[in-house]
PDB file of N, CA and C in Angstrom:
ATOM      1  N   UNK A   1     -18.840   4.203  -8.972  1.00  0.00           N
ATOM      2  CA  UNK A   1     -17.838   3.214  -9.614  1.00  0.00           C
ATOM      3  C   UNK A   1     -18.127   2.131  -9.169  1.00  0.00           C
ATOM      4  N   UNK A   2     -18.284   1.084 -10.116  1.00  0.00           N
ATOM      5  CA  UNK A   2     -18.694  -0.416  -9.770  1.00  0.00           C
ATOM      6  C   UNK A   2     -17.632  -1.197  -9.735  1.00  0.00           C
ATOM      7  N   UNK A   3     -17.967  -2.493  -9.290  1.00  0.00           N
ATOM      8  CA  UNK A   3     -16.970  -3.548  -9.497  1.00  0.00           C
ATOM      9  C   UNK A   3     -16.198  -4.008 -10.795  1.00  0.00           C
ATOM     10  N   UNK A   4     -16.653  -3.540 -11.769  1.00  0.00           N
ATOM     11  CA  UNK A   4     -16.103  -3.788 -12.897  1.00  0.00           C
ATOM     12  C   UNK A   4     -14.873  -2.499 -13.168  1.00  0.00           C
ATOM     13  N   UNK A   5     -15.167  -1.261 -12.571  1.00  0.00           N
ATOM     14  CA  UNK A   5     -14.072  -0.456 -13.021  1.00  0.00           C
ATOM     15  C   UNK A   5     -13.023  -0.545 -11.830  1.00  0.00           C
ATOM     16  N   UNK A   6     -13.042  -1.255 -10.790  1.00  0.00           N
ATOM     17  CA  UNK A   6     -12.051  -1.697  -9.867  1.00  0.00           C
ATOM     18  C   UNK A   6     -11.240  -3.016 -10.167  1.00  0.00           C
ATOM     19  N   UNK A   7     -10.015  -2.688  -9.538  1.00  0.00           N
ATOM     20  CA  UNK A   7      -9.154  -3.729  -9.487  1.00  0.00           C
ATOM     21  C   UNK A   7      -8.461  -3.978  -7.844  1.00  0.00           C
ATOM     22  N   UNK A   8      -8.049  -5.266  -7.672  1.00  0.00           N
ATOM     23  CA  UNK A   8      -7.361  -5.501  -6.370  1.00  0.00           C
ATOM     24  C   UNK A   8      -6.174  -5.884  -6.574  1.00  0.00           C
ATOM     25  N   UNK A   9      -5.183  -5.297  -5.925  1.00  0.00           N
ATOM     26  CA  UNK A   9      -3.777  -5.942  -5.643  1.00  0.00           C
ATOM     27  C   UNK A   9      -3.412  -6.290  -4.151  1.00  0.00           C
ATOM     28  N   UNK A  10      -3.098  -7.303  -4.216  1.00  0.00           N
ATOM     29  CA  UNK A  10      -2.793  -8.140  -2.858  1.00  0.00           C
ATOM     30  C   UNK A  10      -1.039  -7.783  -2.649  1.00  0.00           C
ATOM     31  N   UNK A  11      -0.990  -7.182  -1.350  1.00  0.00           N
ATOM     32  CA  UNK A  11       0.587  -6.803  -1.590  1.00  0.00           C
ATOM     33  C   UNK A  11       1.425  -7.654  -1.137  1.00  0.00           C
ATOM     34  N   UNK A  12       1.082  -8.999  -0.623  1.00  0.00           N
ATOM     35  CA  UNK A  12       2.117  -9.747  -0.061  1.00  0.00           C
ATOM     36  C   UNK A  12       2.867  -9.670   0.872  1.00  0.00           C
ATOM     37  N   UNK A  13       4.145  -9.587   0.613  1.00  0.00           N
ATOM     38  CA  UNK A  13       5.368  -9.060   1.486  1.00  0.00           C
ATOM     39  C   UNK A  13       6.013  -8.155   1.292  1.00  0.00           C
ATOM     40  N   UNK A  14       5.370  -7.071   0.313  1.00  0.00           N
ATOM     41  CA  UNK A  14       5.906  -6.001  -0.307  1.00  0.00           C
ATOM     42  C   UNK A  14       5.520  -4.903   1.118  1.00  0.00           C
ATOM     43  N   UNK A  15       4.743  -4.919   1.802  1.00  0.00           N
ATOM     44  CA  UNK A  15       4.426  -4.197   2.994  1.00  0.00           C
ATOM     45  C   UNK A  15       3.969  -5.019   4.094  1.00  0.00           C
ATOM     46  N   UNK A  16       4.185  -4.837   5.357  1.00  0.00           N
ATOM     47  CA  UNK A  16       3.740  -5.208   6.382  1.00  0.00           C
ATOM     48  C   UNK A  16       2.837  -4.541   7.437  1.00  0.00           C
ATOM     49  N   UNK A  17       2.563  -3.301   7.349  1.00  0.00           N
ATOM     50  CA  UNK A  17       2.121  -2.636   8.048  1.00  0.00           C
ATOM     51  C   UNK A  17       1.554  -1.319   7.317  1.00  0.00           C
ATOM     52  N   UNK A  18       0.213  -0.849   7.840  1.00  0.00           N
ATOM     53  CA  UNK A  18      -0.121   0.059   7.022  1.00  0.00           C
ATOM     54  C   UNK A  18       0.715   1.354   7.238  1.00  0.00           C
ATOM     55  N   UNK A  19       1.474   1.646   8.181  1.00  0.00           N
ATOM     56  CA  UNK A  19       2.430   2.945   8.456  1.00  0.00           C
ATOM     57  C   UNK A  19       3.474   3.098   7.013  1.00  0.00           C
ATOM     58  N   UNK A  20       3.758   1.976   6.639  1.00  0.00           N
ATOM     59  CA  UNK A  20       4.552   2.032   5.330  1.00  0.00           C
ATOM     60  C   UNK A  20       3.905   2.274   4.195  1.00  0.00           C
ATOM     61  N   UNK A  21       2.795   3.030   4.281  1.00  0.00           N
ATOM     62  CA  UNK A  21       2.122   3.567   3.176  1.00  0.00           C
ATOM     63  C   UNK A  21       2.766   4.871   3.355  1.00  0.00           C
ATOM     64  N   UNK A  22       3.269   5.280   4.351  1.00  0.00           N
ATOM     65  CA  UNK A  22       3.373   6.768   4.739  1.00  0.00           C
ATOM     66  C   UNK A  22       5.022   6.570   4.888  1.00  0.00           C
ATOM     67  N   UNK A  23       5.617   5.758   5.661  1.00  0.00           N
ATOM     68  CA  UNK A  23       6.910   5.792   5.684  1.00  0.00           C
ATOM     69  C   UNK A  23       7.682   4.477   4.941  1.00  0.00           C
ATOM     70  N   UNK A  24       7.618   4.688   3.592  1.00  0.00           N
ATOM     71  CA  UNK A  24       7.913   3.795   2.665  1.00  0.00           C
ATOM     72  C   UNK A  24       9.630   3.230   3.041  1.00  0.00           C
ATOM     73  N   UNK A  25      10.347   3.953   3.832  1.00  0.00           N
ATOM     74  CA  UNK A  25      11.581   3.348   4.004  1.00  0.00           C
ATOM     75  C   UNK A  25      11.561   2.597   4.870  1.00  0.00           C
ATOM     76  N   UNK A  26      10.610   2.231   5.838  1.00  0.00           N
ATOM     77  CA  UNK A  26      10.833   1.611   6.896  1.00  0.00           C
ATOM     78  C   UNK A  26      10.794   0.040   6.371  1.00  0.00           C
ATOM     79  N   UNK A  27      11.871  -0.521   6.749  1.00  0.00           N
ATOM     80  CA  UNK A  27      12.143  -1.990   6.157  1.00  0.00           C
ATOM     81  C   UNK A  27      11.465  -2.900   7.231  1.00  0.00           C
ATOM     82  N   UNK A  28      11.749  -4.230   6.718  1.00  0.00           N
ATOM     83  CA  UNK A  28      11.311  -5.525   7.617  1.00  0.00           C
ATOM     84  C   UNK A  28      12.298  -6.102   7.668  1.00  0.00           C
ATOM     85  N   UNK A  29      12.461  -6.670   8.878  1.00  0.00           N
ATOM     86  CA  UNK A  29      13.168  -7.921   9.233  1.00  0.00           C
ATOM     87  C   UNK A  29      14.075  -8.826   7.886  1.00  0.00           C
ATOM     88  N   UNK A  30      13.059  -9.034   7.218  1.00  0.00           N
ATOM     89  CA  UNK A  30      13.441 -10.095   6.071  1.00  0.00           C
ATOM     90  C   UNK A  30      13.512  -9.273   5.003  1.00  0.00           C
ATOM     91  N   UNK A  31      13.805  -8.098   4.603  1.00  0.00           N
ATOM     92  CA  UNK A  31      13.979  -7.454   3.408  1.00  0.00           C
ATOM     93  C   UNK A  31      15.671  -7.541   3.215  1.00  0.00           C
ATOM     94  N   UNK A  32      16.038  -8.292   2.215  1.00  0.00           N
ATOM     95  CA  UNK A  32      17.418  -8.740   2.044  1.00  0.00           C
ATOM     96  C   UNK A  32      17.952  -7.588   1.639  1.00  0.00           C
ATOM     97  N   UNK A  33      17.173  -6.605   0.971  1.00  0.00           N
ATOM     98  CA  UNK A  33      18.010  -5.385   0.370  1.00  0.00           C
ATOM     99  C   UNK A  33      17.291  -4.366   0.563  1.00  0.00           C
ATOM    100  N   UNK A  34      17.221  -3.599   1.534  1.00  0.00           N
ATOM    101  CA  UNK A  34      16.457  -2.642   2.251  1.00  0.00           C
ATOM    102  C   UNK A  34      16.492  -1.165   1.131  1.00  0.00           C
ATOM    103  N   UNK A  35      17.390  -1.211   0.335  1.00  0.00           N
ATOM    104  CA  UNK A  35      17.065  -0.001  -0.687  1.00  0.00           C
ATOM    105  C   UNK A  35      16.071  -0.216  -2.079  1.00  0.00           C
ATOM    106  N   UNK A  36      16.556  -1.358  -2.027  1.00  0.00           N
ATOM    107  CA  UNK A  36      15.637  -1.983  -3.424  1.00  0.00           C
ATOM    108  C   UNK A  36      14.235  -1.975  -2.850  1.00  0.00           C
ATOM    109  N   UNK A  37      14.153  -2.551  -1.423  1.00  0.00           N
ATOM    110  CA  UNK A  37      12.642  -2.592  -1.056  1.00  0.00           C
ATOM    111  C   UNK A  37      11.755  -1.539  -0.891  1.00  0.00           C
ATOM    112  N   UNK A  38      12.678  -0.168  -0.628  1.00  0.00           N
ATOM    113  CA  UNK A  38      12.171   0.796  -0.564  1.00  0.00           C
ATOM    114  C   UNK A  38      11.556   1.627  -1.943  1.00  0.00           C
ATOM    115  N   UNK A  39      12.281   1.288  -2.873  1.00  0.00           N
ATOM    116  CA  UNK A  39      12.088   1.838  -4.306  1.00  0.00           C
ATOM    117  C   UNK A  39      10.788   0.861  -4.872  1.00  0.00           C
ATOM    118  N   UNK A  40      10.872  -0.315  -4.542  1.00  0.00           N
ATOM    119  CA  UNK A  40       9.664  -1.129  -4.966  1.00  0.00           C
ATOM    120  C   UNK A  40       8.608  -0.642  -4.215  1.00  0.00           C
ATOM    121  N   UNK A  41       8.562  -0.279  -2.946  1.00  0.00           N
ATOM    122  CA  UNK A  41       7.671   0.312  -2.272  1.00  0.00           C
ATOM    123  C   UNK A  41       6.921   1.510  -2.746  1.00  0.00           C
ATOM    124  N   UNK A  42       7.694   2.303  -3.497  1.00  0.00           N
ATOM    125  CA  UNK A  42       7.618   3.651  -4.057  1.00  0.00           C
ATOM    126  C   UNK A  42       6.783   3.588  -5.116  1.00  0.00           C
ATOM    127  N   UNK A  43       7.499   2.767  -5.965  1.00  0.00           N
ATOM    128  CA  UNK A  43       7.019   2.234  -7.391  1.00  0.00           C
ATOM    129  C   UNK A  43       5.395   1.717  -7.339  1.00  0.00           C
ATOM    130  N   UNK A  44       5.334   0.981  -6.447  1.00  0.00           N
ATOM    131  CA  UNK A  44       4.102   0.170  -6.042  1.00  0.00           C
ATOM    132  C   UNK A  44       3.115   1.402  -5.562  1.00  0.00           C
ATOM    133  N   UNK A  45       3.404   2.115  -4.384  1.00  0.00           N
ATOM    134  CA  UNK A  45       2.602   3.229  -3.858  1.00  0.00           C
ATOM    135  C   UNK A  45       2.076   4.028  -4.747  1.00  0.00           C
ATOM    136  N   UNK A  46       2.991   4.639  -5.906  1.00  0.00           N
ATOM    137  CA  UNK A  46       2.369   5.321  -7.034  1.00  0.00           C
ATOM    138  C   UNK A  46       1.381   4.856  -7.899  1.00  0.00           C
ATOM    139  N   UNK A  47       1.520   3.738  -8.191  1.00  0.00           N
ATOM    140  CA  UNK A  47       0.272   2.828  -8.656  1.00  0.00           C
ATOM    141  C   UNK A  47      -0.913   2.585  -8.026  1.00  0.00           C
ATOM    142  N   UNK A  48      -0.836   2.274  -6.899  1.00  0.00           N
ATOM    143  CA  UNK A  48      -1.835   2.223  -5.781  1.00  0.00           C
ATOM    144  C   UNK A  48      -2.672   3.402  -6.145  1.00  0.00           C
ATOM    145  N   UNK A  49      -2.204   4.696  -6.022  1.00  0.00           N
ATOM    146  CA  UNK A  49      -2.630   5.620  -5.862  1.00  0.00           C
ATOM    147  C   UNK A  49      -4.196   6.140  -6.635  1.00  0.00           C
ATOM    148  N   UNK A  50      -4.102   5.154  -7.896  1.00  0.00           N
ATOM    149  CA  UNK A  50      -5.393   5.147  -9.055  1.00  0.00           C
ATOM    150  C   UNK A  50      -6.429   5.006  -8.110  1.00  0.00           C
ATOM    151  N   UNK A  51      -7.529   5.857  -7.971  1.00  0.00           N
ATOM    152  CA  UNK A  51      -8.789   5.783  -7.445  1.00  0.00           C
ATOM    153  C   UNK A  51      -9.491   4.366  -7.722  1.00  0.00           C
ATOM    154  N   UNK A  52      -9.382   3.555  -8.719  1.00  0.00           N
ATOM    155  CA  UNK A  52      -9.879   2.442  -8.849  1.00  0.00           C
ATOM    156  C   UNK A  52      -9.306   1.197  -8.542  1.00  0.00           C
ATOM    157  N   UNK A  53      -8.573   1.579  -7.318  1.00  0.00           N
ATOM    158  CA  UNK A  53      -7.439   0.284  -7.267  1.00  0.00           C
ATOM    159  C   UNK A  53      -7.699   0.018  -5.538  1.00  0.00           C
ATOM    160  N   UNK A  54      -8.225  -1.024  -5.189  1.00  0.00           N
ATOM    161  CA  UNK A  54      -8.200  -1.575  -3.746  1.00  0.00           C
ATOM    162  C   UNK A  54      -7.022  -2.350  -3.460  1.00  0.00           C
ATOM    163  N   UNK A  55      -6.480  -2.220  -2.240  1.00  0.00           N
ATOM    164  CA  UNK A  55      -5.097  -2.995  -2.023  1.00  0.00           C
ATOM    165  C   UNK A  55      -5.853  -3.868  -0.720  1.00  0.00           C
ATOM    166  N   UNK A  56      -5.322  -5.093  -0.633  1.00  0.00           N
ATOM    167  CA  UNK A  56      -5.193  -6.044   0.134  1.00  0.00           C
ATOM    168  C   UNK A  56      -3.790  -5.872   1.081  1.00  0.00           C
ATOM    169  N   UNK A  57      -3.710  -5.624   2.101  1.00  0.00           N
ATOM    170  CA  UNK A  57      -2.302  -6.039   2.985  1.00  0.00           C
ATOM    171  C   UNK A  57      -2.447  -7.104   3.721  1.00  0.00           C
ATOM    172  N   UNK A  58      -2.196  -8.311   3.223  1.00  0.00           N
ATOM    173  CA  UNK A  58      -2.168  -9.419   4.104  1.00  0.00           C
ATOM    174  C   UNK A  58      -1.579  -9.467   5.347  1.00  0.00           C
ATOM    175  N   UNK A  59      -0.667  -8.790   5.781  1.00  0.00           N
ATOM    176  CA  UNK A  59       0.100  -8.540   7.130  1.00  0.00           C
ATOM    177  C   UNK A  59      -0.552  -7.474   8.022  1.00  0.00           C
ATOM    178  N   UNK A  60      -1.508  -6.576   7.132  1.00  0.00           N
ATOM    179  CA  UNK A  60      -1.838  -5.267   7.653  1.00  0.00           C
ATOM    180  C   UNK A  60      -2.971  -5.773   9.279  1.00  0.00           C
ATOM    181  N   UNK A  61      -2.737  -5.159  10.029  1.00  0.00           N
ATOM    182  CA  UNK A  61      -3.451  -5.397  11.161  1.00  0.00           C
ATOM    183  C   UNK A  61      -4.750  -4.682  11.088  1.00  0.00           C
ATOM    184  N   UNK A  62      -5.675  -5.454  11.760  1.00  0.00           N
ATOM    185  CA  UNK A  62      -7.038  -4.834  11.708  1.00  0.00           C
ATOM    186  C   UNK A  62      -7.587  -4.960  10.368  1.00  0.00           C
ATOM    187  N   UNK A  63      -7.998  -3.537   9.798  1.00  0.00           N
ATOM    188  CA  UNK A  63      -8.205  -3.409   8.301  1.00  0.00           C
ATOM    189  C   UNK A  63      -7.610  -3.920   7.279  1.00  0.00           C
ATOM    190  N   UNK A  64      -7.678  -5.077   6.327  1.00  0.00           N
ATOM    191  CA  UNK A  64      -6.435  -5.062   5.591  1.00  0.00           C
ATOM    192  C   UNK A  64      -7.023  -4.409   3.909  1.00  0.00           C
ATOM    193  N   UNK A  65      -8.392  -4.208   3.825  1.00  0.00           N
ATOM    194  CA  UNK A  65      -8.625  -3.825   2.381  1.00  0.00           C
ATOM    195  C   UNK A  65      -8.995  -2.305   2.345  1.00  0.00           C
ATOM    196  N   UNK A  66      -8.161  -1.521   1.519  1.00  0.00           N
ATOM    197  CA  UNK A  66      -8.187  -0.009   1.434  1.00  0.00           C
ATOM    198  C   UNK A  66      -7.555   0.416   0.333  1.00  0.00           C
ATOM    199  N   UNK A  67      -7.514   1.693   0.353  1.00  0.00           N
ATOM    200  CA  UNK A  67      -6.752   2.678  -0.831  1.00  0.00           C
ATOM    201  C   UNK A  67      -5.622   3.049  -0.372  1.00  0.00           C
ATOM    202  N   UNK A  68      -4.845   3.621  -1.330  1.00  0.00           N
ATOM    203  CA  UNK A  68      -3.867   4.789  -1.013  1.00  0.00           C
ATOM    204  C   UNK A  68      -4.558   5.995  -1.465  1.00  0.00           C
ATOM    205  N   UNK A  69      -4.379   6.802  -0.743  1.00  0.00           N
ATOM    206  CA  UNK A  69      -4.796   8.377  -1.285  1.00  0.00           C
ATOM    207  C   UNK A  69      -3.498   8.950  -2.002  1.00  0.00           C
ATOM    208  N   UNK A  70      -3.676   9.681  -3.078  1.00  0.00           N
ATOM    209  CA  UNK A  70      -2.402  10.484  -3.620  1.00  0.00           C
ATOM    210  C   UNK A  70      -1.948  11.279  -2.673  1.00  0.00           C
ATOM    211  N   UNK A  71      -0.523  11.398  -3.053  1.00  0.00           N
ATOM    212  CA  UNK A  71       0.221  12.103  -1.899  1.00  0.00           C
ATOM    213  C   UNK A  71       0.002  13.685  -2.257  1.00  0.00           C
ATOM    214  N   UNK A  72      -0.294  14.257  -1.067  1.00  0.00           N
ATOM    215  CA  UNK A  72      -0.287  15.858  -0.773  1.00  0.00           C
ATOM    216  C   UNK A  72       0.984  16.466  -0.222  1.00  0.00           C
ATOM    217  N   UNK A  73       0.798  16.074   0.841  1.00  0.00           N
ATOM    218  CA  UNK A  73       2.039  16.335   1.666  1.00  0.00           C
ATOM    219  C   UNK A  73       2.569  15.342   1.984  1.00  0.00           C
ATOM    220  N   UNK A  74       1.604  13.971   2.272  1.00  0.00           N
ATOM    221  CA  UNK A  74       1.788  12.808   2.500  1.00  0.00           C
ATOM    222  C   UNK A  74       1.047  11.635   2.018  1.00  0.00           C
ATOM    223  N   UNK A  75       1.556  10.445   1.630  1.00  0.00           N
ATOM    224  CA  UNK A  75       0.366   9.657   1.438  1.00  0.00           C
ATOM    225  C   UNK A  75      -0.233   9.175   2.657  1.00  0.00           C
ATOM    226  N   UNK A  76      -1.517   8.636   2.591  1.00  0.00           N
ATOM    227  CA  UNK A  76      -2.297   8.404   3.668  1.00  0.00           C
ATOM    228  C   UNK A  76      -2.949   6.711   3.451  1.00  0.00           C
ATOM    229  N   UNK A  77      -3.268   6.096   4.402  1.00  0.00           N
ATOM    230  CA  UNK A  77      -4.198   5.024   4.318  1.00  0.00           C
ATOM    231  C   UNK A  77      -5.698   5.132   4.654  1.00  0.00           C
ATOM    232  N   UNK A  78      -6.312   4.575   3.728  1.00  0.00           N
ATOM    233  CA  UNK A  78      -7.558   4.576   4.137  1.00  0.00           C
ATOM    234  C   UNK A  78      -8.387   3.554   3.977  1.00  0.00           C
ATOM    235  N   UNK A  79      -8.813   3.259   5.160  1.00  0.00           N
ATOM    236  CA  UNK A  79      -9.795   1.889   5.198  1.00  0.00           C
ATOM    237  C   UNK A  79     -10.771   1.709   4.470  1.00  0.00           C
ATOM    238  N   UNK A  80     -11.404   0.468   3.942  1.00  0.00           N
ATOM    239  CA  UNK A  80     -12.649   0.688   3.174  1.00  0.00           C
ATOM    240  C   UNK A  80     -13.718   1.111   3.974  1.00  0.00           C
ATOM    241  N   UNK A  81     -13.683   0.724   4.954  1.00  0.00           N
ATOM    242  CA  UNK A  81     -15.006   1.254   5.898  1.00  0.00           C
ATOM    243  C   UNK A  81     -14.784   2.630   6.160  1.00  0.00           C
ATOM    244  N   UNK A  82     -14.275   3.346   6.075  1.00  0.00           N
ATOM    245  CA  UNK A  82     -14.095   4.810   6.130  1.00  0.00           C
ATOM    246  C   UNK A  82     -14.649   5.523   5.101  1.00  0.00           C
TER     247      UNK A  82
END
């Protein structure tokens, strides 16, 4: 798969840490509507499971670029370096 086949999605404020990939219901202090935030994260995570999609978590600690692996038992975060 080359760069022409891939796309990058920058998360902005929709997720603030890698753990929210697995625990999408974890809210952040500035979530005005926690339930809507959870629904938004779930919808976005389904789209991010596309293997051609790289995400950039601007607030993520350490590695900010990675992929969301499809849910089997649960979703997982995979760093681009792994």
